Full PDB file with SEQRES, HELIX, SHEET, SSBOND, CRYST1, ORIGX, SCALE, CONECT and MASTER records, all heavy atoms in Angstrom:
SEQRES   1 A   33  GLU GLN ARG GLY ILE LYS TRP GLY ILE VAL THR ASN LYS          
SEQRES   2 A   33  PHE ALA ARG PHE THR LEU PRO LEU VAL GLN ALA LEU ASN          
SEQRES   3 A   33  LEU SER ASN ARG ALA ALA CYS                                  
HELIX    1 AA1 ALA A   15  ALA A   24  1                                  10    
CRYST1    1.000    1.000    1.000  90.00  90.00  90.00 P 1           1          
ORIGX1      1.000000  0.000000  0.000000        0.00000                         
ORIGX2      0.000000  1.000000  0.000000        0.00000                         
ORIGX3      0.000000  0.000000  1.000000        0.00000                         
SCALE1      1.000000  0.000000  0.000000        0.00000                         
SCALE2      0.000000  1.000000  0.000000        0.00000                         
SCALE3      0.000000  0.000000  1.000000        0.00000                         
ATOM      1  N   GLU A   1       0.821  -1.210   0.000  1.00  0.00           N  
ATOM      2  CA  GLU A   1       0.000   0.000   0.000  1.00  0.00           C  
ATOM      3  C   GLU A   1       0.858   1.264   0.000  1.00  0.00           C  
ATOM      4  O   GLU A   1       0.566   2.230  -0.706  1.00  0.00           O  
ATOM      5  CB  GLU A   1      -0.941  -0.030   1.208  1.00  0.00           C  
ATOM      6  CG  GLU A   1      -2.024  -1.101   1.080  1.00  0.00           C  
ATOM      7  CD  GLU A   1      -2.644  -1.520   2.404  1.00  0.00           C  
ATOM      8  OE1 GLU A   1      -2.284  -0.929   3.452  1.00  0.00           O  
ATOM      9  OE2 GLU A   1      -3.468  -2.436   2.401  1.00  0.00           O  
ATOM     10  N   GLN A   2       1.935   1.226   0.791  1.00  0.00           N  
ATOM     11  CA  GLN A   2       2.829   2.387   0.846  1.00  0.00           C  
ATOM     12  C   GLN A   2       3.497   2.640  -0.500  1.00  0.00           C  
ATOM     13  O   GLN A   2       3.831   3.778  -0.835  1.00  0.00           O  
ATOM     14  CB  GLN A   2       3.881   2.183   1.933  1.00  0.00           C  
ATOM     15  CG  GLN A   2       3.343   2.300   3.351  1.00  0.00           C  
ATOM     16  CD  GLN A   2       4.375   1.972   4.407  1.00  0.00           C  
ATOM     17  OE1 GLN A   2       5.574   1.891   4.126  1.00  0.00           O  
ATOM     18  NE2 GLN A   2       3.925   1.789   5.641  1.00  0.00           N  
ATOM     19  N   ARG A   3       3.683   1.576  -1.268  1.00  0.00           N  
ATOM     20  CA  ARG A   3       4.324   1.701  -2.576  1.00  0.00           C  
ATOM     21  C   ARG A   3       3.318   1.948  -3.698  1.00  0.00           C  
ATOM     22  O   ARG A   3       3.691   2.012  -4.867  1.00  0.00           O  
ATOM     23  CB  ARG A   3       5.126   0.433  -2.875  1.00  0.00           C  
ATOM     24  CG  ARG A   3       6.227   0.163  -1.854  1.00  0.00           C  
ATOM     25  CD  ARG A   3       6.922  -1.155  -2.122  1.00  0.00           C  
ATOM     26  NE  ARG A   3       7.770  -1.546  -0.994  1.00  0.00           N  
ATOM     27  CZ  ARG A   3       8.589  -2.593  -0.992  1.00  0.00           C  
ATOM     28  NH1 ARG A   3       8.662  -3.354  -2.074  1.00  0.00           N  
ATOM     29  NH2 ARG A   3       9.315  -2.878   0.070  1.00  0.00           N  
ATOM     30  N   GLY A   4       2.060   2.043  -3.331  1.00  0.00           N  
ATOM     31  CA  GLY A   4       1.030   2.284  -4.338  1.00  0.00           C  
ATOM     32  C   GLY A   4       0.730   1.074  -5.209  1.00  0.00           C  
ATOM     33  O   GLY A   4       0.245   1.214  -6.335  1.00  0.00           O  
ATOM     34  N   ILE A   5       1.029  -0.120  -4.701  1.00  0.00           N  
ATOM     35  CA  ILE A   5       0.787  -1.356  -5.450  1.00  0.00           C  
ATOM     36  C   ILE A   5      -0.549  -1.946  -5.009  1.00  0.00           C  
ATOM     37  O   ILE A   5      -0.767  -2.210  -3.828  1.00  0.00           O  
ATOM     38  CB  ILE A   5       1.923  -2.375  -5.217  1.00  0.00           C  
ATOM     39  CG1 ILE A   5       3.244  -1.806  -5.732  1.00  0.00           C  
ATOM     40  CG2 ILE A   5       1.602  -3.706  -5.892  1.00  0.00           C  
ATOM     41  CD1 ILE A   5       4.447  -2.660  -5.402  1.00  0.00           C  
ATOM     42  N   LYS A   6      -1.443  -2.130  -5.957  1.00  0.00           N  
ATOM     43  CA  LYS A   6      -2.764  -2.664  -5.642  1.00  0.00           C  
ATOM     44  C   LYS A   6      -2.692  -4.159  -5.329  1.00  0.00           C  
ATOM     45  O   LYS A   6      -1.900  -4.889  -5.922  1.00  0.00           O  
ATOM     46  CB  LYS A   6      -3.714  -2.445  -6.818  1.00  0.00           C  
ATOM     47  CG  LYS A   6      -3.971  -0.986  -7.157  1.00  0.00           C  
ATOM     48  CD  LYS A   6      -4.860  -0.872  -8.388  1.00  0.00           C  
ATOM     49  CE  LYS A   6      -5.107   0.577  -8.775  1.00  0.00           C  
ATOM     50  NZ  LYS A   6      -5.936   0.685 -10.003  1.00  0.00           N  
ATOM     51  N   TRP A   7      -3.525  -4.591  -4.412  1.00  0.00           N  
ATOM     52  CA  TRP A   7      -3.645  -6.023  -4.126  1.00  0.00           C  
ATOM     53  C   TRP A   7      -5.127  -6.347  -3.942  1.00  0.00           C  
ATOM     54  O   TRP A   7      -5.938  -5.471  -3.640  1.00  0.00           O  
ATOM     55  CB  TRP A   7      -2.844  -6.421  -2.890  1.00  0.00           C  
ATOM     56  CG  TRP A   7      -3.306  -5.754  -1.615  1.00  0.00           C  
ATOM     57  CD1 TRP A   7      -2.843  -4.578  -1.086  1.00  0.00           C  
ATOM     58  CD2 TRP A   7      -4.336  -6.215  -0.726  1.00  0.00           C  
ATOM     59  NE1 TRP A   7      -3.529  -4.276   0.074  1.00  0.00           N  
ATOM     60  CE2 TRP A   7      -4.438  -5.263   0.323  1.00  0.00           C  
ATOM     61  CE3 TRP A   7      -5.172  -7.328  -0.713  1.00  0.00           C  
ATOM     62  CZ2 TRP A   7      -5.349  -5.401   1.366  1.00  0.00           C  
ATOM     63  CZ3 TRP A   7      -6.086  -7.463   0.330  1.00  0.00           C  
ATOM     64  CH2 TRP A   7      -6.161  -6.506   1.353  1.00  0.00           C  
ATOM     65  N   GLY A   8      -5.464  -7.585  -4.164  1.00  0.00           N  
ATOM     66  CA  GLY A   8      -6.856  -7.985  -4.022  1.00  0.00           C  
ATOM     67  C   GLY A   8      -6.972  -9.439  -3.600  1.00  0.00           C  
ATOM     68  O   GLY A   8      -5.967 -10.119  -3.366  1.00  0.00           O  
ATOM     69  N   ILE A   9      -8.192  -9.891  -3.496  1.00  0.00           N  
ATOM     70  CA  ILE A   9      -8.490 -11.247  -3.040  1.00  0.00           C  
ATOM     71  C   ILE A   9      -9.367 -11.935  -4.072  1.00  0.00           C  
ATOM     72  O   ILE A   9     -10.380 -11.368  -4.499  1.00  0.00           O  
ATOM     73  CB  ILE A   9      -9.222 -11.226  -1.682  1.00  0.00           C  
ATOM     74  CG1 ILE A   9      -8.329 -10.586  -0.607  1.00  0.00           C  
ATOM     75  CG2 ILE A   9      -9.657 -12.633  -1.264  1.00  0.00           C  
ATOM     76  CD1 ILE A   9      -9.061 -10.260   0.689  1.00  0.00           C  
ATOM     77  N   VAL A  10      -8.971 -13.131  -4.477  1.00  0.00           N  
ATOM     78  CA  VAL A  10      -9.804 -13.966  -5.352  1.00  0.00           C  
ATOM     79  C   VAL A  10      -9.900 -15.341  -4.704  1.00  0.00           C  
ATOM     80  O   VAL A  10      -8.887 -16.017  -4.524  1.00  0.00           O  
ATOM     81  CB  VAL A  10      -9.211 -14.092  -6.769  1.00  0.00           C  
ATOM     82  CG1 VAL A  10     -10.128 -14.956  -7.640  1.00  0.00           C  
ATOM     83  CG2 VAL A  10      -9.013 -12.726  -7.398  1.00  0.00           C  
ATOM     84  N   THR A  11     -11.103 -15.728  -4.345  1.00  0.00           N  
ATOM     85  CA  THR A  11     -11.313 -16.987  -3.639  1.00  0.00           C  
ATOM     86  C   THR A  11     -12.495 -17.728  -4.241  1.00  0.00           C  
ATOM     87  O   THR A  11     -13.371 -17.114  -4.852  1.00  0.00           O  
ATOM     88  CB  THR A  11     -11.570 -16.733  -2.138  1.00  0.00           C  
ATOM     89  OG1 THR A  11     -11.890 -17.961  -1.480  1.00  0.00           O  
ATOM     90  CG2 THR A  11     -12.716 -15.753  -1.930  1.00  0.00           C  
ATOM     91  N   ASN A  12     -12.520 -19.044  -4.055  1.00  0.00           N  
ATOM     92  CA  ASN A  12     -13.686 -19.819  -4.469  1.00  0.00           C  
ATOM     93  C   ASN A  12     -14.757 -19.854  -3.380  1.00  0.00           C  
ATOM     94  O   ASN A  12     -15.845 -20.405  -3.588  1.00  0.00           O  
ATOM     95  CB  ASN A  12     -13.278 -21.252  -4.840  1.00  0.00           C  
ATOM     96  CG  ASN A  12     -12.762 -21.352  -6.261  1.00  0.00           C  
ATOM     97  OD1 ASN A  12     -12.752 -20.378  -7.010  1.00  0.00           O  
ATOM     98  ND2 ASN A  12     -12.322 -22.539  -6.650  1.00  0.00           N  
ATOM     99  N   LYS A  13     -14.460 -19.270  -2.229  1.00  0.00           N  
ATOM    100  CA  LYS A  13     -15.444 -19.184  -1.147  1.00  0.00           C  
ATOM    101  C   LYS A  13     -16.592 -18.269  -1.582  1.00  0.00           C  
ATOM    102  O   LYS A  13     -16.352 -17.203  -2.155  1.00  0.00           O  
ATOM    103  CB  LYS A  13     -14.755 -18.607   0.099  1.00  0.00           C  
ATOM    104  CG  LYS A  13     -15.549 -18.719   1.382  1.00  0.00           C  
ATOM    105  CD  LYS A  13     -14.888 -17.926   2.508  1.00  0.00           C  
ATOM    106  CE  LYS A  13     -13.441 -18.277   2.759  1.00  0.00           C  
ATOM    107  NZ  LYS A  13     -13.289 -19.577   3.424  1.00  0.00           N  
ATOM    108  N   PHE A  14     -17.827 -18.677  -1.351  1.00  0.00           N  
ATOM    109  CA  PHE A  14     -18.976 -17.873  -1.760  1.00  0.00           C  
ATOM    110  C   PHE A  14     -18.991 -16.539  -1.014  1.00  0.00           C  
ATOM    111  O   PHE A  14     -18.496 -16.418   0.102  1.00  0.00           O  
ATOM    112  CB  PHE A  14     -20.275 -18.620  -1.507  1.00  0.00           C  
ATOM    113  CG  PHE A  14     -20.588 -19.682  -2.535  1.00  0.00           C  
ATOM    114  CD1 PHE A  14     -19.705 -19.973  -3.558  1.00  0.00           C  
ATOM    115  CD2 PHE A  14     -21.785 -20.384  -2.478  1.00  0.00           C  
ATOM    116  CE1 PHE A  14     -19.987 -20.942  -4.516  1.00  0.00           C  
ATOM    117  CE2 PHE A  14     -22.080 -21.364  -3.420  1.00  0.00           C  
ATOM    118  CZ  PHE A  14     -21.190 -21.638  -4.440  1.00  0.00           C  
ATOM    119  N   ALA A  15     -19.599 -15.538  -1.646  1.00  0.00           N  
ATOM    120  CA  ALA A  15     -19.603 -14.178  -1.106  1.00  0.00           C  
ATOM    121  C   ALA A  15     -20.226 -14.099   0.285  1.00  0.00           C  
ATOM    122  O   ALA A  15     -19.803 -13.297   1.114  1.00  0.00           O  
ATOM    123  CB  ALA A  15     -20.338 -13.243  -2.058  1.00  0.00           C  
ATOM    124  N   ARG A  16     -21.212 -14.937   0.577  1.00  0.00           N  
ATOM    125  CA  ARG A  16     -21.872 -14.881   1.893  1.00  0.00           C  
ATOM    126  C   ARG A  16     -20.903 -15.218   3.020  1.00  0.00           C  
ATOM    127  O   ARG A  16     -21.130 -14.831   4.167  1.00  0.00           O  
ATOM    128  CB  ARG A  16     -23.080 -15.815   1.931  1.00  0.00           C  
ATOM    129  CG  ARG A  16     -22.762 -17.283   1.887  1.00  0.00           C  
ATOM    130  CD  ARG A  16     -24.024 -18.133   1.797  1.00  0.00           C  
ATOM    131  NE  ARG A  16     -24.332 -18.794   3.051  1.00  0.00           N  
ATOM    132  CZ  ARG A  16     -24.820 -20.044   3.105  1.00  0.00           C  
ATOM    133  NH1 ARG A  16     -25.051 -20.717   1.985  1.00  0.00           N  
ATOM    134  NH2 ARG A  16     -25.092 -20.592   4.256  1.00  0.00           N  
ATOM    135  N   PHE A  17     -19.814 -15.921   2.672  1.00  0.00           N  
ATOM    136  CA  PHE A  17     -18.775 -16.214   3.651  1.00  0.00           C  
ATOM    137  C   PHE A  17     -17.577 -15.262   3.495  1.00  0.00           C  
ATOM    138  O   PHE A  17     -16.983 -14.825   4.475  1.00  0.00           O  
ATOM    139  CB  PHE A  17     -18.282 -17.653   3.500  1.00  0.00           C  
ATOM    140  CG  PHE A  17     -19.381 -18.675   3.498  1.00  0.00           C  
ATOM    141  CD1 PHE A  17     -19.640 -19.427   2.368  1.00  0.00           C  
ATOM    142  CD2 PHE A  17     -20.169 -18.881   4.621  1.00  0.00           C  
ATOM    143  CE1 PHE A  17     -20.653 -20.372   2.360  1.00  0.00           C  
ATOM    144  CE2 PHE A  17     -21.189 -19.816   4.628  1.00  0.00           C  
ATOM    145  CZ  PHE A  17     -21.435 -20.566   3.489  1.00  0.00           C  
ATOM    146  N   THR A  18     -17.238 -14.971   2.255  1.00  0.00           N  
ATOM    147  CA  THR A  18     -16.058 -14.149   1.977  1.00  0.00           C  
ATOM    148  C   THR A  18     -16.172 -12.748   2.552  1.00  0.00           C  
ATOM    149  O   THR A  18     -15.281 -12.279   3.269  1.00  0.00           O  
ATOM    150  CB  THR A  18     -15.821 -14.039   0.461  1.00  0.00           C  
ATOM    151  OG1 THR A  18     -15.682 -15.340  -0.103  1.00  0.00           O  
ATOM    152  CG2 THR A  18     -14.571 -13.224   0.167  1.00  0.00           C  
ATOM    153  N   LEU A  19     -17.253 -12.064   2.215  1.00  0.00           N  
ATOM    154  CA  LEU A  19     -17.354 -10.638   2.552  1.00  0.00           C  
ATOM    155  C   LEU A  19     -17.359 -10.377   4.057  1.00  0.00           C  
ATOM    156  O   LEU A  19     -16.634  -9.493   4.530  1.00  0.00           O  
ATOM    157  CB  LEU A  19     -18.572 -10.028   1.867  1.00  0.00           C  
ATOM    158  CG  LEU A  19     -18.542 -10.099   0.326  1.00  0.00           C  
ATOM    159  CD1 LEU A  19     -19.787  -9.466  -0.269  1.00  0.00           C  
ATOM    160  CD2 LEU A  19     -17.283  -9.441  -0.229  1.00  0.00           C  
ATOM    161  N   PRO A  20     -18.127 -11.138   4.863  1.00  0.00           N  
ATOM    162  CA  PRO A  20     -18.055 -10.912   6.311  1.00  0.00           C  
ATOM    163  C   PRO A  20     -16.677 -11.224   6.890  1.00  0.00           C  
ATOM    164  O   PRO A  20     -16.214 -10.543   7.812  1.00  0.00           O  
ATOM    165  CB  PRO A  20     -19.112 -11.865   6.879  1.00  0.00           C  
ATOM    166  CG  PRO A  20     -20.032 -12.147   5.745  1.00  0.00           C  
ATOM    167  CD  PRO A  20     -19.173 -12.112   4.519  1.00  0.00           C  
ATOM    168  N   LEU A  21     -16.014 -12.247   6.351  1.00  0.00           N  
ATOM    169  CA  LEU A  21     -14.689 -12.609   6.842  1.00  0.00           C  
ATOM    170  C   LEU A  21     -13.672 -11.522   6.517  1.00  0.00           C  
ATOM    171  O   LEU A  21     -12.875 -11.111   7.376  1.00  0.00           O  
ATOM    172  CB  LEU A  21     -14.254 -13.945   6.235  1.00  0.00           C  
ATOM    173  CG  LEU A  21     -12.870 -14.466   6.634  1.00  0.00           C  
ATOM    174  CD1 LEU A  21     -12.776 -14.656   8.136  1.00  0.00           C  
ATOM    175  CD2 LEU A  21     -12.561 -15.777   5.922  1.00  0.00           C  
ATOM    176  N   VAL A  22     -13.701 -11.036   5.289  1.00  0.00           N  
ATOM    177  CA  VAL A  22     -12.777  -9.966   4.882  1.00  0.00           C  
ATOM    178  C   VAL A  22     -13.015  -8.715   5.722  1.00  0.00           C  
ATOM    179  O   VAL A  22     -12.066  -8.037   6.139  1.00  0.00           O  
ATOM    180  CB  VAL A  22     -12.936  -9.674   3.376  1.00  0.00           C  
ATOM    181  CG1 VAL A  22     -12.163  -8.431   2.971  1.00  0.00           C  
ATOM    182  CG2 VAL A  22     -12.461 -10.872   2.555  1.00  0.00           C  
ATOM    183  N   GLN A  23     -14.271  -8.432   6.004  1.00  0.00           N  
ATOM    184  CA  GLN A  23     -14.586  -7.263   6.835  1.00  0.00           C  
ATOM    185  C   GLN A  23     -14.087  -7.461   8.266  1.00  0.00           C  
ATOM    186  O   GLN A  23     -13.515  -6.541   8.869  1.00  0.00           O  
ATOM    187  CB  GLN A  23     -16.092  -7.016   6.832  1.00  0.00           C  
ATOM    188  CG  GLN A  23     -16.500  -5.756   7.592  1.00  0.00           C  
ATOM    189  CD  GLN A  23     -17.963  -5.420   7.409  1.00  0.00           C  
ATOM    190  OE1 GLN A  23     -18.720  -6.185   6.820  1.00  0.00           O  
ATOM    191  NE2 GLN A  23     -18.371  -4.270   7.905  1.00  0.00           N  
ATOM    192  N   ALA A  24     -14.285  -8.655   8.804  1.00  0.00           N  
ATOM    193  CA  ALA A  24     -13.854  -8.933  10.179  1.00  0.00           C  
ATOM    194  C   ALA A  24     -12.335  -8.838  10.319  1.00  0.00           C  
ATOM    195  O   ALA A  24     -11.823  -8.497  11.391  1.00  0.00           O  
ATOM    196  CB  ALA A  24     -14.338 -10.313  10.606  1.00  0.00           C  
ATOM    197  N   LEU A  25     -11.621  -9.132   9.245  1.00  0.00           N  
ATOM    198  CA  LEU A  25     -10.155  -9.043   9.256  1.00  0.00           C  
ATOM    199  C   LEU A  25      -9.667  -7.634   8.903  1.00  0.00           C  
ATOM    200  O   LEU A  25      -8.469  -7.415   8.743  1.00  0.00           O  
ATOM    201  CB  LEU A  25      -9.571 -10.060   8.279  1.00  0.00           C  
ATOM    202  CG  LEU A  25      -9.752 -11.538   8.673  1.00  0.00           C  
ATOM    203  CD1 LEU A  25      -9.338 -12.458   7.522  1.00  0.00           C  
ATOM    204  CD2 LEU A  25      -8.951 -11.873   9.925  1.00  0.00           C  
ATOM    205  N   ASN A  26     -10.611  -6.702   8.763  1.00  0.00           N  
ATOM    206  CA  ASN A  26     -10.294  -5.294   8.474  1.00  0.00           C  
ATOM    207  C   ASN A  26      -9.549  -5.113   7.146  1.00  0.00           C  
ATOM    208  O   ASN A  26      -8.632  -4.296   7.041  1.00  0.00           O  
ATOM    209  CB  ASN A  26      -9.480  -4.675   9.622  1.00  0.00           C  
ATOM    210  CG  ASN A  26     -10.253  -4.653  10.924  1.00  0.00           C  
ATOM    211  OD1 ASN A  26     -11.416  -4.259  10.955  1.00  0.00           O  
ATOM    212  ND2 ASN A  26      -9.628  -5.089  12.007  1.00  0.00           N  
ATOM    213  N   LEU A  27      -9.969  -5.870   6.149  1.00  0.00           N  
ATOM    214  CA  LEU A  27      -9.330  -5.799   4.839  1.00  0.00           C  
ATOM    215  C   LEU A  27     -10.239  -5.176   3.772  1.00  0.00           C  
ATOM    216  O   LEU A  27      -9.770  -4.846   2.687  1.00  0.00           O  
ATOM    217  CB  LEU A  27      -8.906  -7.197   4.375  1.00  0.00           C  
ATOM    218  CG  LEU A  27      -7.889  -7.929   5.257  1.00  0.00           C  
ATOM    219  CD1 LEU A  27      -7.657  -9.337   4.726  1.00  0.00           C  
ATOM    220  CD2 LEU A  27      -6.580  -7.160   5.326  1.00  0.00           C  
ATOM    221  N   SER A  28     -11.519  -5.014   4.082  1.00  0.00           N  
ATOM    222  CA  SER A  28     -12.486  -4.585   3.070  1.00  0.00           C  
ATOM    223  C   SER A  28     -12.110  -3.273   2.405  1.00  0.00           C  
ATOM    224  O   SER A  28     -12.216  -3.128   1.182  1.00  0.00           O  
ATOM    225  CB  SER A  28     -13.878  -4.449   3.703  1.00  0.00           C  
ATOM    226  OG  SER A  28     -14.326  -5.684   4.191  1.00  0.00           O  
ATOM    227  N   ASN A  29     -11.679  -2.315   3.189  1.00  0.00           N  
ATOM    228  CA  ASN A  29     -11.376  -0.993   2.646  1.00  0.00           C  
ATOM    229  C   ASN A  29      -9.963  -0.886   2.095  1.00  0.00           C  
ATOM    230  O   ASN A  29      -9.575   0.169   1.585  1.00  0.00           O  
ATOM    231  CB  ASN A  29     -11.595   0.078   3.722  1.00  0.00           C  
ATOM    232  CG  ASN A  29     -13.043   0.170   4.153  1.00  0.00           C  
ATOM    233  OD1 ASN A  29     -13.939  -0.058   3.353  1.00  0.00           O  
ATOM    234  ND2 ASN A  29     -13.266   0.483   5.415  1.00  0.00           N  
ATOM    235  N   ARG A  30      -9.212  -1.967   2.194  1.00  0.00           N  
ATOM    236  CA  ARG A  30      -7.827  -1.944   1.731  1.00  0.00           C  
ATOM    237  C   ARG A  30      -7.656  -2.653   0.385  1.00  0.00           C  
ATOM    238  O   ARG A  30      -6.793  -2.288  -0.406  1.00  0.00           O  
ATOM    239  CB  ARG A  30      -6.916  -2.585   2.777  1.00  0.00           C  
ATOM    240  CG  ARG A  30      -6.936  -1.857   4.117  1.00  0.00           C  
ATOM    241  CD  ARG A  30      -6.229  -2.642   5.201  1.00  0.00           C  
ATOM    242  NE  ARG A  30      -4.817  -2.842   4.901  1.00  0.00           N  
ATOM    243  CZ  ARG A  30      -4.000  -3.578   5.655  1.00  0.00           C  
ATOM    244  NH1 ARG A  30      -4.465  -4.196   6.731  1.00  0.00           N  
ATOM    245  NH2 ARG A  30      -2.728  -3.712   5.326  1.00  0.00           N  
ATOM    246  N   ALA A  31      -8.463  -3.658   0.143  1.00  0.00           N  
ATOM    247  CA  ALA A  31      -8.326  -4.460  -1.076  1.00  0.00           C  
ATOM    248  C   ALA A  31      -8.857  -3.711  -2.294  1.00  0.00           C  
ATOM    249  O   ALA A  31      -9.900  -3.069  -2.226  1.00  0.00           O  
ATOM    250  CB  ALA A  31      -9.068  -5.783  -0.917  1.00  0.00           C  
ATOM    251  N   ALA A  32      -8.133  -3.815  -3.399  1.00  0.00           N  
ATOM    252  CA  ALA A  32      -8.588  -3.199  -4.649  1.00  0.00           C  
ATOM    253  C   ALA A  32      -9.775  -3.958  -5.227  1.00  0.00           C  
ATOM    254  O   ALA A  32     -10.562  -3.405  -5.990  1.00  0.00           O  
ATOM    255  CB  ALA A  32      -7.443  -3.163  -5.653  1.00  0.00           C  
ATOM    256  N   CYS A  33      -9.896  -5.230  -4.852  1.00  0.00           N  
ATOM    257  CA  CYS A  33     -11.018  -6.043  -5.311  1.00  0.00           C  
ATOM    258  C   CYS A  33     -11.155  -7.245  -4.393  1.00  0.00           C  
ATOM    259  O   CYS A  33     -10.181  -7.719  -3.818  1.00  0.00           O  
ATOM    260  CB  CYS A  33     -10.803  -6.510  -6.757  1.00  0.00           C  
ATOM    261  SG  CYS A  33      -9.317  -7.509  -6.970  1.00  0.00           S  
TER     262      CYS A  33                                                      
MASTER        0    0    0    1    0    0    0    6  261    1    0    3          
END                                                                             
């Protein structure tokens, strides 16, 4: 992030599980996708 390099998450986990987990880990606002 400090270097301006985008990163994201691609998983086979369904969104109903992925999105709450990513939010709980405080990554939602950091990931480019």
